[in-house]
């Protein structure tokens, strides 16, 4: 599986854990990195001091490369960027914003930069911004999605055609077979969120993990499209959102309904009725909680078996 992604980040396998809010703390990031992948700390649910603490603990827990995922619309970006520079974080994945603003500064300090996109148009902007790699995420993914609603299998070849940069596929990937499929379409690595969100090292609440491990096909919905398209698990809160949207609720009313701290309440505190429960469609195929090491070993073995069988099957 050695390729440009492995060489770029100095990792054994081109498997990257998603920097998910309330799930991707230092324990998960270090476990993924120690297992040969690239672990990411999710800065989106952390205040600056909390992020620094997680970075320091991650350094102590692994001598392998790790990174931080930073939503660029974060309200304390100046402080976050300074922490990344101070702590000499080697790799930063950015999302939800214009990569041109911070990429030159980060790269000027020797940091490798990848940016998450949902369309080939934004992939071209990433190349103009001189990022090192692109993550193309299809709308099967959990949490916040692109407005285009393009599926991963449609998005990857379109982005591959639009740019020559190292390409990472994301959205709906939870098996070695899926990794092989995305690589056949032009990806050189994968970013996996849901599978790692339901791992033993994930900082998500056990209530949330157990709920997601028992989901069936169709148990998630993409809602809140007027604000920011978000994939959520069926719940009391999701029912409220869908009812409001069906009645033509304004953006202001939806924001009031969403309120503050919904994601923390659901995923981190385990309130399955009032919380915002973000997970990807692939959750319906995952029914057992495993460690990050076990997940990576399973992914690699499944990938290798899949690739080895293709010639005879064709």
C-alpha atoms as a PDB file:
ATOM      1  CA  UNK A   1       0.000   0.000   0.000  1.00  0.00           C
ATOM      2  CA  UNK A   2       3.040   2.280  -0.096  1.00  0.00           C
ATOM      3  CA  UNK A   3       2.404   5.326  -2.294  1.00  0.00           C
ATOM      4  CA  UNK A   4       2.564   9.143  -2.375  1.00  0.00           C
ATOM      5  CA  UNK A   5       0.336   9.516   0.694  1.00  0.00           C
ATOM      6  CA  UNK A   6       2.558   7.215   2.745  1.00  0.00           C
ATOM      7  CA  UNK A   7       5.678   9.056   1.585  1.00  0.00           C
ATOM      8  CA  UNK A   8       4.156  12.495   2.165  1.00  0.00           C
ATOM      9  CA  UNK A   9       3.132  11.821   5.755  1.00  0.00           C
ATOM     10  CA  UNK A  10       5.753   9.242   6.704  1.00  0.00           C
ATOM     11  CA  UNK A  11       3.233   6.487   7.491  1.00  0.00           C
ATOM     12  CA  UNK A  12       3.056   2.743   6.819  1.00  0.00           C
ATOM     13  CA  UNK A  13      -0.514   2.592   5.542  1.00  0.00           C
ATOM     14  CA  UNK A  14      -2.429   5.323   3.641  1.00  0.00           C
ATOM     15  CA  UNK A  15      -5.217   5.192   6.228  1.00  0.00           C
ATOM     16  CA  UNK A  16      -6.140   8.388   8.070  1.00  0.00           C
ATOM     17  CA  UNK A  17      -8.620   8.773  10.902  1.00  0.00           C
ATOM     18  CA  UNK A  18     -11.104  11.609  10.571  1.00  0.00           C
ATOM     19  CA  UNK A  19     -10.646  14.627  12.847  1.00  0.00           C
ATOM     20  CA  UNK A  20     -14.172  14.271  14.226  1.00  0.00           C
ATOM     21  CA  UNK A  21     -15.672  16.573  16.836  1.00  0.00           C
ATOM     22  CA  UNK A  22     -16.121  14.901  20.250  1.00  0.00           C
ATOM     23  CA  UNK A  23     -14.603  11.642  18.953  1.00  0.00           C
ATOM     24  CA  UNK A  24     -11.018  12.369  17.874  1.00  0.00           C
ATOM     25  CA  UNK A  25      -8.958  13.112  20.948  1.00  0.00           C
ATOM     26  CA  UNK A  26      -5.326  12.235  21.627  1.00  0.00           C
ATOM     27  CA  UNK A  27      -6.096   8.612  22.560  1.00  0.00           C
ATOM     28  CA  UNK A  28      -7.631   7.821  19.165  1.00  0.00           C
ATOM     29  CA  UNK A  29      -5.075   9.855  17.198  1.00  0.00           C
ATOM     30  CA  UNK A  30      -2.093   8.220  18.885  1.00  0.00           C
ATOM     31  CA  UNK A  31      -3.610   4.716  18.584  1.00  0.00           C
ATOM     32  CA  UNK A  32      -4.147   5.118  14.822  1.00  0.00           C
ATOM     33  CA  UNK A  33      -0.622   6.474  14.344  1.00  0.00           C
ATOM     34  CA  UNK A  34       0.918   3.700  16.439  1.00  0.00           C
ATOM     35  CA  UNK A  35      -0.901   1.157  14.258  1.00  0.00           C
ATOM     36  CA  UNK A  36       0.691   2.528  11.085  1.00  0.00           C
ATOM     37  CA  UNK A  37      -1.936   5.020   9.929  1.00  0.00           C
ATOM     38  CA  UNK A  38      -2.197   8.759  10.463  1.00  0.00           C
ATOM     39  CA  UNK A  39      -4.192   9.822  13.495  1.00  0.00           C
ATOM     40  CA  UNK A  40      -5.828  13.247  13.585  1.00  0.00           C
ATOM     41  CA  UNK A  41      -6.903  15.260  16.615  1.00  0.00           C
ATOM     42  CA  UNK A  42     -10.207  17.027  15.965  1.00  0.00           C
ATOM     43  CA  UNK A  43      -9.792  20.682  16.927  1.00  0.00           C
ATOM     44  CA  UNK A  44     -13.386  21.545  16.023  1.00  0.00           C
ATOM     45  CA  UNK A  45     -14.704  20.694  19.493  1.00  0.00           C
ATOM     46  CA  UNK A  46     -11.756  22.056  21.471  1.00  0.00           C
ATOM     47  CA  UNK A  47     -10.907  25.408  23.009  1.00  0.00           C
ATOM     48  CA  UNK A  48      -7.274  26.422  22.377  1.00  0.00           C
ATOM     49  CA  UNK A  49      -5.989  25.301  25.798  1.00  0.00           C
ATOM     50  CA  UNK A  50      -7.733  21.940  25.396  1.00  0.00           C
ATOM     51  CA  UNK A  51      -6.196  21.461  21.964  1.00  0.00           C
ATOM     52  CA  UNK A  52      -2.712  22.165  23.323  1.00  0.00           C
ATOM     53  CA  UNK A  53      -3.283  19.585  26.058  1.00  0.00           C
ATOM     54  CA  UNK A  54      -4.318  16.944  23.510  1.00  0.00           C
ATOM     55  CA  UNK A  55      -1.324  17.678  21.291  1.00  0.00           C
ATOM     56  CA  UNK A  56       1.083  17.348  24.212  1.00  0.00           C
ATOM     57  CA  UNK A  57      -0.513  14.059  25.334  1.00  0.00           C
ATOM     58  CA  UNK A  58      -0.467  12.725  21.777  1.00  0.00           C
ATOM     59  CA  UNK A  59       3.256  13.456  21.503  1.00  0.00           C
ATOM     60  CA  UNK A  60       3.824  11.503  24.702  1.00  0.00           C
ATOM     61  CA  UNK A  61       1.740   8.562  23.475  1.00  0.00           C
ATOM     62  CA  UNK A  62       3.325   8.101  20.031  1.00  0.00           C
ATOM     63  CA  UNK A  63       6.614   8.732  18.266  1.00  0.00           C
ATOM     64  CA  UNK A  64       4.859   8.364  14.916  1.00  0.00           C
ATOM     65  CA  UNK A  65       3.479  11.217  12.739  1.00  0.00           C
ATOM     66  CA  UNK A  66       0.084  12.610  13.726  1.00  0.00           C
ATOM     67  CA  UNK A  67      -1.922  15.646  12.736  1.00  0.00           C
ATOM     68  CA  UNK A  68      -4.684  18.056  13.693  1.00  0.00           C
ATOM     69  CA  UNK A  69      -7.901  18.715  11.781  1.00  0.00           C
ATOM     70  CA  UNK A  70      -8.887  22.400  11.875  1.00  0.00           C
ATOM     71  CA  UNK A  71     -12.209  23.788  10.579  1.00  0.00           C
ATOM     72  CA  UNK A  72     -11.171  27.152   9.138  1.00  0.00           C
ATOM     73  CA  UNK A  73     -14.381  28.850  10.306  1.00  0.00           C
ATOM     74  CA  UNK A  74     -13.268  28.275  13.903  1.00  0.00           C
ATOM     75  CA  UNK A  75     -13.875  31.463  15.954  1.00  0.00           C
ATOM     76  CA  UNK A  76     -10.429  31.366  17.631  1.00  0.00           C
ATOM     77  CA  UNK A  77      -8.309  30.632  14.579  1.00  0.00           C
ATOM     78  CA  UNK A  78      -5.405  32.929  15.463  1.00  0.00           C
ATOM     79  CA  UNK A  79      -4.924  31.142  18.783  1.00  0.00           C
ATOM     80  CA  UNK A  80      -5.321  27.700  17.196  1.00  0.00           C
ATOM     81  CA  UNK A  81      -2.771  28.418  14.469  1.00  0.00           C
ATOM     82  CA  UNK A  82      -0.277  29.732  17.018  1.00  0.00           C
ATOM     83  CA  UNK A  83      -0.613  26.545  19.052  1.00  0.00           C
ATOM     84  CA  UNK A  84       0.019  24.429  15.954  1.00  0.00           C
ATOM     85  CA  UNK A  85       3.183  26.425  15.294  1.00  0.00           C
ATOM     86  CA  UNK A  86       4.330  26.458  18.923  1.00  0.00           C
ATOM     87  CA  UNK A  87       3.842  22.712  19.337  1.00  0.00           C
ATOM     88  CA  UNK A  88       5.422  21.967  15.939  1.00  0.00           C
ATOM     89  CA  UNK A  89       2.504  19.845  14.771  1.00  0.00           C
ATOM     90  CA  UNK A  90       3.827  18.080  11.643  1.00  0.00           C
ATOM     91  CA  UNK A  91       0.572  17.726   9.689  1.00  0.00           C
ATOM     92  CA  UNK A  92      -2.609  19.825   9.506  1.00  0.00           C
ATOM     93  CA  UNK A  93      -5.848  18.943   7.732  1.00  0.00           C
ATOM     94  CA  UNK A  94      -8.052  21.980   7.115  1.00  0.00           C
ATOM     95  CA  UNK A  95     -11.735  22.083   6.207  1.00  0.00           C
ATOM     96  CA  UNK A  96     -14.781  24.355   6.002  1.00  0.00           C
ATOM     97  CA  UNK A  97     -13.090  27.434   4.624  1.00  0.00           C
ATOM     98  CA  UNK A  98     -10.612  28.894   2.136  1.00  0.00           C
ATOM     99  CA  UNK A  99      -7.257  27.065   2.249  1.00  0.00           C
ATOM    100  CA  UNK A 100      -5.433  30.067   0.784  1.00  0.00           C
ATOM    101  CA  UNK A 101      -5.558  32.023   4.048  1.00  0.00           C
ATOM    102  CA  UNK A 102      -3.465  29.781   6.298  1.00  0.00           C
ATOM    103  CA  UNK A 103      -1.660  27.324   3.999  1.00  0.00           C
ATOM    104  CA  UNK A 104       1.342  29.597   3.217  1.00  0.00           C
ATOM    105  CA  UNK A 105       1.975  30.251   6.916  1.00  0.00           C
ATOM    106  CA  UNK A 106       1.674  26.586   7.888  1.00  0.00           C
ATOM    107  CA  UNK A 107       3.885  25.377   5.042  1.00  0.00           C
ATOM    108  CA  UNK A 108       6.369  28.129   5.831  1.00  0.00           C
ATOM    109  CA  UNK A 109       6.871  26.412   9.185  1.00  0.00           C
ATOM    110  CA  UNK A 110       7.418  23.019   7.589  1.00  0.00           C
ATOM    111  CA  UNK A 111       3.888  21.718   8.183  1.00  0.00           C
ATOM    112  CA  UNK A 112       2.285  19.410   5.621  1.00  0.00           C
ATOM    113  CA  UNK A 113      -1.217  20.661   4.702  1.00  0.00           C
ATOM    114  CA  UNK A 114      -4.215  18.753   3.348  1.00  0.00           C
ATOM    115  CA  UNK A 115      -7.617  20.303   2.696  1.00  0.00           C
ATOM    116  CA  UNK A 116     -11.068  18.684   2.588  1.00  0.00           C
ATOM    117  CA  UNK A 117     -13.308  19.375  -0.424  1.00  0.00           C
ATOM    118  CA  UNK A 118     -16.679  18.224  -1.717  1.00  0.00           C
ATOM    119  CA  UNK A 119     -16.262  19.098  -5.405  1.00  0.00           C
ATOM    120  CA  UNK A 120     -13.686  19.219  -8.196  1.00  0.00           C
ATOM    121  CA  UNK A 121     -14.119  23.011  -8.301  1.00  0.00           C
ATOM    122  CA  UNK A 122     -12.812  23.352  -4.752  1.00  0.00           C
ATOM    123  CA  UNK A 123     -10.075  20.812  -5.500  1.00  0.00           C
ATOM    124  CA  UNK A 124      -8.728  23.181  -8.143  1.00  0.00           C
ATOM    125  CA  UNK A 125      -8.727  26.004  -5.585  1.00  0.00           C
ATOM    126  CA  UNK A 126      -6.689  23.751  -3.294  1.00  0.00           C
ATOM    127  CA  UNK A 127      -4.081  23.302  -5.994  1.00  0.00           C
ATOM    128  CA  UNK A 128      -3.954  27.085  -6.409  1.00  0.00           C
ATOM    129  CA  UNK A 129      -3.452  27.355  -2.633  1.00  0.00           C
ATOM    130  CA  UNK A 130      -0.468  24.976  -2.908  1.00  0.00           C
ATOM    131  CA  UNK A 131      -1.729  22.405  -0.389  1.00  0.00           C
ATOM    132  CA  UNK A 132       0.170  19.113  -0.226  1.00  0.00           C
ATOM    133  CA  UNK A 133      -2.843  16.814  -0.557  1.00  0.00           C
ATOM    134  CA  UNK A 134      -6.609  16.870  -1.057  1.00  0.00           C
ATOM    135  CA  UNK A 135      -9.322  14.973   0.797  1.00  0.00           C
ATOM    136  CA  UNK A 136     -12.388  14.455  -1.396  1.00  0.00           C
ATOM    137  CA  UNK A 137     -15.350  13.650   0.853  1.00  0.00           C
ATOM    138  CA  UNK A 138     -18.609  12.258  -0.473  1.00  0.00           C
ATOM    139  CA  UNK A 139     -21.952  12.987   1.148  1.00  0.00           C
ATOM    140  CA  UNK A 140     -22.225   9.500   2.645  1.00  0.00           C
ATOM    141  CA  UNK A 141     -19.995  10.854   5.398  1.00  0.00           C
ATOM    142  CA  UNK A 142     -21.247  11.717   8.856  1.00  0.00           C
ATOM    143  CA  UNK A 143     -21.410  15.215  10.263  1.00  0.00           C
ATOM    144  CA  UNK A 144     -21.098  18.267   8.014  1.00  0.00           C
ATOM    145  CA  UNK A 145     -21.177  17.632   4.277  1.00  0.00           C
ATOM    146  CA  UNK A 146     -20.816  19.563   1.043  1.00  0.00           C
ATOM    147  CA  UNK A 147     -23.853  21.190  -0.494  1.00  0.00           C
ATOM    148  CA  UNK A 148     -23.286  19.343  -3.756  1.00  0.00           C
ATOM    149  CA  UNK A 149     -24.416  16.008  -2.251  1.00  0.00           C
ATOM    150  CA  UNK A 150     -22.026  14.168  -4.573  1.00  0.00           C
ATOM    151  CA  UNK A 151     -21.356  10.548  -3.624  1.00  0.00           C
ATOM    152  CA  UNK A 152     -17.813   9.342  -3.058  1.00  0.00           C
ATOM    153  CA  UNK A 153     -17.740   7.070  -6.130  1.00  0.00           C
ATOM    154  CA  UNK A 154     -18.734  10.027  -8.324  1.00  0.00           C
ATOM    155  CA  UNK A 155     -16.538  12.570  -6.557  1.00  0.00           C
ATOM    156  CA  UNK A 156     -13.190  10.747  -6.578  1.00  0.00           C
ATOM    157  CA  UNK A 157     -12.803  10.371 -10.385  1.00  0.00           C
ATOM    158  CA  UNK A 158     -13.983  13.958 -10.916  1.00  0.00           C
ATOM    159  CA  UNK A 159     -11.414  15.322  -8.464  1.00  0.00           C
ATOM    160  CA  UNK A 160      -8.725  13.010  -9.865  1.00  0.00           C
ATOM    161  CA  UNK A 161      -9.338  14.488 -13.303  1.00  0.00           C
ATOM    162  CA  UNK A 162      -9.222  18.037 -11.926  1.00  0.00           C
ATOM    163  CA  UNK A 163      -5.924  17.828 -10.043  1.00  0.00           C
ATOM    164  CA  UNK A 164      -2.647  15.912  -9.965  1.00  0.00           C
ATOM    165  CA  UNK A 165      -2.158  16.378  -6.210  1.00  0.00           C
ATOM    166  CA  UNK A 166      -2.087  13.351  -3.876  1.00  0.00           C
ATOM    167  CA  UNK A 167      -5.732  12.408  -3.339  1.00  0.00           C
ATOM    168  CA  UNK A 168      -7.429  10.975  -0.258  1.00  0.00           C
ATOM    169  CA  UNK A 169     -10.951   9.561  -0.467  1.00  0.00           C
ATOM    170  CA  UNK A 170     -13.471   9.994   2.350  1.00  0.00           C
ATOM    171  CA  UNK A 171     -17.138   9.248   2.938  1.00  0.00           C
ATOM    172  CA  UNK A 172     -18.686   5.793   3.271  1.00  0.00           C
ATOM    173  CA  UNK A 173     -15.378   3.941   3.597  1.00  0.00           C
ATOM    174  CA  UNK A 174     -15.319   1.232   6.246  1.00  0.00           C
ATOM    175  CA  UNK A 175     -13.679  -1.817   4.671  1.00  0.00           C
ATOM    176  CA  UNK A 176     -10.643  -2.907   2.688  1.00  0.00           C
ATOM    177  CA  UNK A 177     -12.949  -3.509  -0.275  1.00  0.00           C
ATOM    178  CA  UNK A 178     -14.011   0.147  -0.168  1.00  0.00           C
ATOM    179  CA  UNK A 179     -10.380   1.221   0.003  1.00  0.00           C
ATOM    180  CA  UNK A 180      -9.638  -0.841  -3.112  1.00  0.00           C
ATOM    181  CA  UNK A 181     -12.635   0.675  -4.902  1.00  0.00           C
ATOM    182  CA  UNK A 182     -11.571   4.260  -4.216  1.00  0.00           C
ATOM    183  CA  UNK A 183      -7.998   3.517  -5.270  1.00  0.00           C
ATOM    184  CA  UNK A 184      -9.277   2.044  -8.527  1.00  0.00           C
ATOM    185  CA  UNK A 185     -10.954   5.409  -9.124  1.00  0.00           C
ATOM    186  CA  UNK A 186      -7.770   7.396  -8.497  1.00  0.00           C
ATOM    187  CA  UNK A 187      -7.448   7.881  -4.742  1.00  0.00           C
ATOM    188  CA  UNK A 188      -4.100   7.164  -3.078  1.00  0.00           C
ATOM    189  CA  UNK A 189      -5.341   6.991   0.487  1.00  0.00           C
ATOM    190  CA  UNK A 190      -8.480   7.069   2.582  1.00  0.00           C
ATOM    191  CA  UNK A 191      -9.788   9.084   5.499  1.00  0.00           C
ATOM    192  CA  UNK A 192     -12.113   7.063   7.703  1.00  0.00           C
ATOM    193  CA  UNK A 193     -14.365   8.674  10.289  1.00  0.00           C
ATOM    194  CA  UNK A 194     -17.299   6.501  11.337  1.00  0.00           C
ATOM    195  CA  UNK A 195     -15.317   3.276  11.780  1.00  0.00           C
ATOM    196  CA  UNK A 196     -12.885   5.021  14.132  1.00  0.00           C
ATOM    197  CA  UNK A 197     -15.636   7.022  15.873  1.00  0.00           C
ATOM    198  CA  UNK A 198     -16.970   3.647  17.060  1.00  0.00           C
ATOM    199  CA  UNK A 199     -13.584   2.354  18.246  1.00  0.00           C
ATOM    200  CA  UNK A 200     -12.579   1.736  21.848  1.00  0.00           C
ATOM    201  CA  UNK A 201     -10.231   4.757  21.828  1.00  0.00           C
ATOM    202  CA  UNK A 202     -12.839   7.181  20.495  1.00  0.00           C
ATOM    203  CA  UNK A 203     -13.818   9.821  23.044  1.00  0.00           C
ATOM    204  CA  UNK A 204     -17.487   9.553  22.043  1.00  0.00           C
ATOM    205  CA  UNK A 205     -19.914   8.484  24.791  1.00  0.00           C
ATOM    206  CA  UNK A 206     -20.681   4.771  25.112  1.00  0.00           C
ATOM    207  CA  UNK A 207     -24.409   5.517  24.634  1.00  0.00           C
ATOM    208  CA  UNK A 208     -23.657   7.042  21.248  1.00  0.00           C
ATOM    209  CA  UNK A 209     -21.318   4.229  20.211  1.00  0.00           C
ATOM    210  CA  UNK A 210     -23.794   1.522  21.199  1.00  0.00           C
ATOM    211  CA  UNK A 211     -26.625   3.248  19.355  1.00  0.00           C
ATOM    212  CA  UNK A 212     -24.568   3.528  16.173  1.00  0.00           C
ATOM    213  CA  UNK A 213     -23.396  -0.080  16.369  1.00  0.00           C
ATOM    214  CA  UNK A 214     -27.033  -1.130  16.119  1.00  0.00           C
ATOM    215  CA  UNK A 215     -28.103   1.067  13.206  1.00  0.00           C
ATOM    216  CA  UNK A 216     -29.743  -0.344  10.099  1.00  0.00           C
ATOM    217  CA  UNK A 217     -29.551   0.782   6.499  1.00  0.00           C
ATOM    218  CA  UNK A 218     -31.349   4.110   6.137  1.00  0.00           C
ATOM    219  CA  UNK A 219     -31.058   5.124   9.791  1.00  0.00           C
ATOM    220  CA  UNK A 220     -29.281   8.405   8.985  1.00  0.00           C
ATOM    221  CA  UNK A 221     -30.544  11.521   7.207  1.00  0.00           C
ATOM    222  CA  UNK A 222     -28.914  14.571   5.629  1.00  0.00           C
ATOM    223  CA  UNK A 223     -30.666  17.619   7.103  1.00  0.00           C
ATOM    224  CA  UNK A 224     -30.086  21.296   8.000  1.00  0.00           C
ATOM    225  CA  UNK A 225     -29.260  22.043   4.358  1.00  0.00           C
ATOM    226  CA  UNK A 226     -30.169  25.717   4.758  1.00  0.00           C
ATOM    227  CA  UNK A 227     -27.469  26.115   7.410  1.00  0.00           C
ATOM    228  CA  UNK A 228     -24.859  23.436   6.774  1.00  0.00           C
ATOM    229  CA  UNK A 229     -25.820  19.992   5.414  1.00  0.00           C
ATOM    230  CA  UNK A 230     -25.370  17.540   8.276  1.00  0.00           C
ATOM    231  CA  UNK A 231     -25.834  13.766   8.433  1.00  0.00           C
ATOM    232  CA  UNK A 232     -27.558  12.689  11.641  1.00  0.00           C
ATOM    233  CA  UNK A 233     -28.878   9.502  13.205  1.00  0.00           C
ATOM    234  CA  UNK A 234     -32.658   9.140  13.485  1.00  0.00           C
ATOM    235  CA  UNK A 235     -33.651  10.528  16.889  1.00  0.00           C
ATOM    236  CA  UNK A 236     -36.105  12.795  18.680  1.00  0.00           C
ATOM    237  CA  UNK A 237     -33.980  15.792  17.710  1.00  0.00           C
ATOM    238  CA  UNK A 238     -33.810  14.713  14.068  1.00  0.00           C
ATOM    239  CA  UNK A 239     -37.626  14.378  14.044  1.00  0.00           C
ATOM    240  CA  UNK A 240     -37.882  17.962  15.312  1.00  0.00           C
ATOM    241  CA  UNK A 241     -35.536  19.201  12.597  1.00  0.00           C
ATOM    242  CA  UNK A 242     -37.357  17.372   9.816  1.00  0.00           C
ATOM    243  CA  UNK A 243     -40.730  18.614  11.043  1.00  0.00           C
ATOM    244  CA  UNK A 244     -39.461  22.204  11.128  1.00  0.00           C
ATOM    245  CA  UNK A 245     -37.968  21.915   7.646  1.00  0.00           C
ATOM    246  CA  UNK A 246     -41.183  20.384   6.279  1.00  0.00           C
ATOM    247  CA  UNK A 247     -43.091  23.380   7.655  1.00  0.00           C
ATOM    248  CA  UNK A 248     -40.744  25.785   5.874  1.00  0.00           C
ATOM    249  CA  UNK A 249     -38.822  26.978   8.918  1.00  0.00           C
ATOM    250  CA  UNK A 250     -36.485  29.919   8.331  1.00  0.00           C
ATOM    251  CA  UNK A 251     -32.744  29.776   8.892  1.00  0.00           C
ATOM    252  CA  UNK A 252     -33.226  31.751  12.103  1.00  0.00           C
ATOM    253  CA  UNK A 253     -35.756  29.260  13.483  1.00  0.00           C
ATOM    254  CA  UNK A 254     -33.526  26.314  12.565  1.00  0.00           C
ATOM    255  CA  UNK A 255     -30.566  27.956  14.288  1.00  0.00           C
ATOM    256  CA  UNK A 256     -32.688  28.462  17.397  1.00  0.00           C
ATOM    257  CA  UNK A 257     -33.711  24.803  17.292  1.00  0.00           C
ATOM    258  CA  UNK A 258     -30.101  23.741  16.861  1.00  0.00           C
ATOM    259  CA  UNK A 259     -28.982  25.981  19.709  1.00  0.00           C
ATOM    260  CA  UNK A 260     -25.540  25.567  21.230  1.00  0.00           C
ATOM    261  CA  UNK A 261     -23.824  22.419  22.388  1.00  0.00           C
ATOM    262  CA  UNK A 262     -26.140  19.947  20.624  1.00  0.00           C
ATOM    263  CA  UNK A 263     -23.278  17.865  19.240  1.00  0.00           C
ATOM    264  CA  UNK A 264     -21.497  17.757  22.602  1.00  0.00           C
ATOM    265  CA  UNK A 265     -24.726  16.801  24.350  1.00  0.00           C
ATOM    266  CA  UNK A 266     -25.321  13.899  21.965  1.00  0.00           C
ATOM    267  CA  UNK A 267     -21.934  12.459  21.032  1.00  0.00           C
ATOM    268  CA  UNK A 268     -19.857  13.357  24.101  1.00  0.00           C
ATOM    269  CA  UNK A 269     -22.427  13.353  26.908  1.00  0.00           C
ATOM    270  CA  UNK A 270     -24.607  10.558  25.519  1.00  0.00           C
ATOM    271  CA  UNK A 271     -27.987  12.300  25.478  1.00  0.00           C
ATOM    272  CA  UNK A 272     -29.611  10.356  22.646  1.00  0.00           C
ATOM    273  CA  UNK A 273     -32.884  12.301  22.692  1.00  0.00           C
ATOM    274  CA  UNK A 274     -31.810  15.944  22.746  1.00  0.00           C
ATOM    275  CA  UNK A 275     -28.335  15.655  21.275  1.00  0.00           C
ATOM    276  CA  UNK A 276     -27.078  16.021  17.714  1.00  0.00           C
ATOM    277  CA  UNK A 277     -25.903  12.538  16.685  1.00  0.00           C
ATOM    278  CA  UNK A 278     -23.529  12.724  13.725  1.00  0.00           C
ATOM    279  CA  UNK A 279     -22.465   9.501  11.987  1.00  0.00           C
ATOM    280  CA  UNK A 280     -21.946   8.247   8.444  1.00  0.00           C
ATOM    281  CA  UNK A 281     -24.082   5.875   6.402  1.00  0.00           C
ATOM    282  CA  UNK A 282     -21.444   3.145   6.726  1.00  0.00           C
ATOM    283  CA  UNK A 283     -22.368   2.754  10.407  1.00  0.00           C
ATOM    284  CA  UNK A 284     -25.117   0.336   9.418  1.00  0.00           C
ATOM    285  CA  UNK A 285     -22.424  -2.202   8.446  1.00  0.00           C
ATOM    286  CA  UNK A 286     -20.453  -1.902  11.701  1.00  0.00           C
ATOM    287  CA  UNK A 287     -21.763  -3.925  14.649  1.00  0.00           C
ATOM    288  CA  UNK A 288     -18.713  -4.575  16.811  1.00  0.00           C
ATOM    289  CA  UNK A 289     -16.490  -2.146  18.688  1.00  0.00           C
ATOM    290  CA  UNK A 290     -12.788  -2.752  18.093  1.00  0.00           C
ATOM    291  CA  UNK A 291      -9.523  -1.017  18.891  1.00  0.00           C
ATOM    292  CA  UNK A 292      -7.899   1.253  16.335  1.00  0.00           C
ATOM    293  CA  UNK A 293      -5.115  -1.310  15.895  1.00  0.00           C
ATOM    294  CA  UNK A 294      -7.616  -4.088  15.200  1.00  0.00           C
ATOM    295  CA  UNK A 295      -9.500  -1.885  12.738  1.00  0.00           C
ATOM    296  CA  UNK A 296      -6.380  -1.035  10.740  1.00  0.00           C
ATOM    297  CA  UNK A 297      -5.205  -4.644  10.694  1.00  0.00           C
ATOM    298  CA  UNK A 298      -8.637  -5.732   9.460  1.00  0.00           C
ATOM    299  CA  UNK A 299      -8.730  -3.006   6.789  1.00  0.00           C
ATOM    300  CA  UNK A 300      -5.286  -3.910   5.464  1.00  0.00           C
ATOM    301  CA  UNK A 301      -6.026  -7.648   5.388  1.00  0.00           C
ATOM    302  CA  UNK A 302      -9.364  -7.101   3.639  1.00  0.00           C
ATOM    303  CA  UNK A 303      -7.720  -4.767   1.109  1.00  0.00           C
ATOM    304  CA  UNK A 304      -4.975  -7.251   0.314  1.00  0.00           C
ATOM    305  CA  UNK A 305      -7.433 -10.138  -0.090  1.00  0.00           C
ATOM    306  CA  UNK A 306      -9.666  -8.035  -2.312  1.00  0.00           C
ATOM    307  CA  UNK A 307      -6.840  -6.924  -4.593  1.00  0.00           C
ATOM    308  CA  UNK A 308      -5.422 -10.440  -4.863  1.00  0.00           C
ATOM    309  CA  UNK A 309      -8.793 -11.882  -5.924  1.00  0.00           C
ATOM    310  CA  UNK A 310      -9.591  -9.334  -8.632  1.00  0.00           C
ATOM    311  CA  UNK A 311      -7.516 -10.857 -11.496  1.00  0.00           C
ATOM    312  CA  UNK A 312      -9.050 -14.326 -11.139  1.00  0.00           C
ATOM    313  CA  UNK A 313     -12.563 -12.978 -10.726  1.00  0.00           C
ATOM    314  CA  UNK A 314     -12.282 -10.796 -13.808  1.00  0.00           C
END
